[in-house]
Amino acid sequence: MECKHNKDLVESAKFLRKNMTKEERHLWYDFLQKSPFRFSRQKILGKYIVDFYCAKAKLVIELDGSQHFEKEVREYDNKRTAFLEEYGLKIIRIPNREINNNFEGICRYLNEQIEQSLSQLR
């Protein structure tokens, strides 16, 4: 992967960590931070900042607000996903409404995806 520590993005990543969305805070504090698998938040990967990243499982979790359903943003997200997948990363996109309406189901789904990713890497 291109330089994981992209100095140009450090300030943006810090800002995003300090100003997480309500859904990001919920997923982070109520699930990912307690996970037995180490996750980073607002992690710089090459030329992008991802919402959550588990290096051991090679897994990226992106939470998508309503703007992600607009054509231009979808195209940008697809380009970003393709870039990250080139490095063997699995990208999971979750709409914010699912975090708000089905949090327990999302947590079960994420656990399954983490276990599946880990088993494929063994």
Protein backbone atom coordinates (compact mmCIF):
# COMPACT_ATOMS: atom_id res chain seq x y z
CA MET A 1 0.00 0.00 0.00
CA GLU A 2 1.13 3.52 -0.59
CA CYS A 3 2.56 5.22 2.44
CA LYS A 4 0.11 4.46 5.23
CA HIS A 5 1.17 7.56 7.10
CA ASN A 6 0.20 10.32 4.71
CA LYS A 7 1.34 13.52 6.45
CA ASP A 8 -1.10 15.58 4.40
CA LEU A 9 -4.04 13.81 6.03
CA VAL A 10 -2.92 13.79 9.68
CA GLU A 11 -4.74 16.97 10.67
CA SER A 12 -7.92 15.86 8.89
CA ALA A 13 -7.82 12.47 10.63
CA LYS A 14 -7.36 14.14 14.03
CA PHE A 15 -10.28 16.47 13.31
CA LEU A 16 -12.50 13.56 12.27
CA ARG A 17 -11.56 11.58 15.43
CA LYS A 18 -12.55 14.52 17.60
CA ASN A 19 -15.75 15.18 15.65
CA MET A 20 -17.21 11.74 15.02
CA THR A 21 -20.81 11.51 13.90
CA LYS A 22 -23.42 10.24 16.35
CA GLU A 23 -23.45 6.88 14.53
CA GLU A 24 -19.63 6.61 14.55
CA ARG A 25 -19.57 7.31 18.30
CA HIS A 26 -22.26 4.70 18.92
CA LEU A 27 -20.44 2.00 16.92
CA TRP A 28 -17.05 2.91 18.41
CA TYR A 29 -17.94 3.22 22.09
CA ASP A 30 -20.65 0.57 22.23
CA PHE A 31 -19.06 -2.12 20.07
CA LEU A 32 -15.70 -1.71 18.32
CA GLN A 33 -13.74 -0.34 21.26
CA LYS A 34 -14.85 -3.36 23.32
CA SER A 35 -14.09 -5.86 20.56
CA PRO A 36 -11.34 -8.41 21.18
CA PHE A 37 -10.00 -7.32 17.80
CA ARG A 38 -8.12 -4.03 17.70
CA PHE A 39 -9.76 -1.35 15.60
CA SER A 40 -8.46 2.10 14.72
CA ARG A 41 -10.76 4.97 13.97
CA GLN A 42 -10.25 7.54 11.24
CA LYS A 43 -7.24 5.60 10.01
CA ILE A 44 -5.10 6.93 7.17
CA LEU A 45 -4.65 4.30 4.47
CA GLY A 46 -2.75 5.65 1.52
CA LYS A 47 -4.58 8.67 0.15
CA TYR A 48 -7.77 8.06 2.14
CA ILE A 49 -9.06 8.19 5.70
CA VAL A 50 -11.33 5.28 6.61
CA ASP A 51 -13.85 5.34 9.44
CA PHE A 52 -12.70 2.13 11.17
CA TYR A 53 -9.89 -0.31 10.39
CA CYS A 54 -8.88 -3.70 11.76
CA ALA A 55 -5.40 -4.56 10.50
CA LYS A 56 -5.50 -8.16 11.73
CA ALA A 57 -8.69 -8.91 9.77
CA LYS A 58 -7.75 -6.59 6.85
CA LEU A 59 -11.18 -5.04 7.27
CA VAL A 60 -12.48 -1.50 6.76
CA ILE A 61 -15.85 -0.35 8.09
CA GLU A 62 -17.38 2.74 6.53
CA LEU A 63 -20.54 4.37 7.88
CA ASP A 64 -22.52 6.15 5.21
CA GLY A 65 -24.82 9.10 5.73
CA SER A 66 -27.46 10.09 3.20
CA GLN A 67 -24.95 12.01 1.05
CA HIS A 68 -23.35 8.67 0.10
CA PHE A 69 -26.42 7.83 -1.97
CA GLU A 70 -25.87 10.78 -4.31
CA LYS A 71 -24.38 9.86 -7.69
CA GLU A 72 -21.12 11.80 -7.38
CA VAL A 73 -20.42 10.56 -3.87
CA ARG A 74 -21.24 6.96 -4.88
CA GLU A 75 -18.75 7.24 -7.74
CA TYR A 76 -16.08 8.59 -5.37
CA ASP A 77 -16.86 5.80 -2.85
CA ASN A 78 -16.57 3.16 -5.60
CA LYS A 79 -13.17 4.53 -6.65
CA ARG A 80 -12.04 4.60 -3.03
CA THR A 81 -13.27 1.04 -2.42
CA ALA A 82 -11.45 -0.22 -5.53
CA PHE A 83 -8.22 1.43 -4.35
CA LEU A 84 -8.45 -0.18 -0.90
CA GLU A 85 -9.44 -3.59 -2.27
CA GLU A 86 -6.28 -3.60 -4.41
CA TYR A 87 -4.42 -4.08 -1.13
CA GLY A 88 -6.50 -7.06 -0.06
CA LEU A 89 -8.77 -5.10 2.27
CA LYS A 90 -12.42 -5.98 2.68
CA ILE A 91 -14.68 -2.93 2.76
CA ILE A 92 -18.00 -3.00 4.62
CA ARG A 93 -20.33 -0.07 4.05
CA ILE A 94 -23.13 0.44 6.56
CA PRO A 95 -25.82 3.10 6.19
CA ASN A 96 -26.22 5.29 9.28
CA ARG A 97 -29.90 4.38 9.44
CA GLU A 98 -28.90 0.75 10.09
CA ILE A 99 -26.76 1.83 13.06
CA ASN A 100 -29.77 3.74 14.38
CA ASN A 101 -32.43 1.12 13.64
CA ASN A 102 -30.69 -2.25 13.88
CA PHE A 103 -27.60 -1.83 16.05
CA GLU A 104 -27.59 -5.35 17.53
CA GLY A 105 -28.03 -6.89 14.08
CA ILE A 106 -25.18 -4.79 12.72
CA CYS A 107 -22.93 -5.90 15.59
CA ARG A 108 -23.73 -9.57 14.89
CA TYR A 109 -23.08 -9.02 11.19
CA LEU A 110 -19.74 -7.31 11.89
CA ASN A 111 -18.66 -10.13 14.21
CA GLU A 112 -19.44 -12.62 11.44
CA GLN A 113 -17.50 -10.58 8.90
CA ILE A 114 -14.49 -10.24 11.22
CA GLU A 115 -14.45 -14.00 11.89
CA GLN A 116 -14.83 -14.75 8.17
CA SER A 117 -11.98 -12.39 7.25
CA LEU A 118 -9.72 -13.88 9.92
CA SER A 119 -10.46 -17.45 8.83
CA GLN A 120 -9.60 -16.59 5.22
CA LEU A 121 -6.25 -15.16 6.30
CA ARG A 122 -5.17 -18.26 8.19
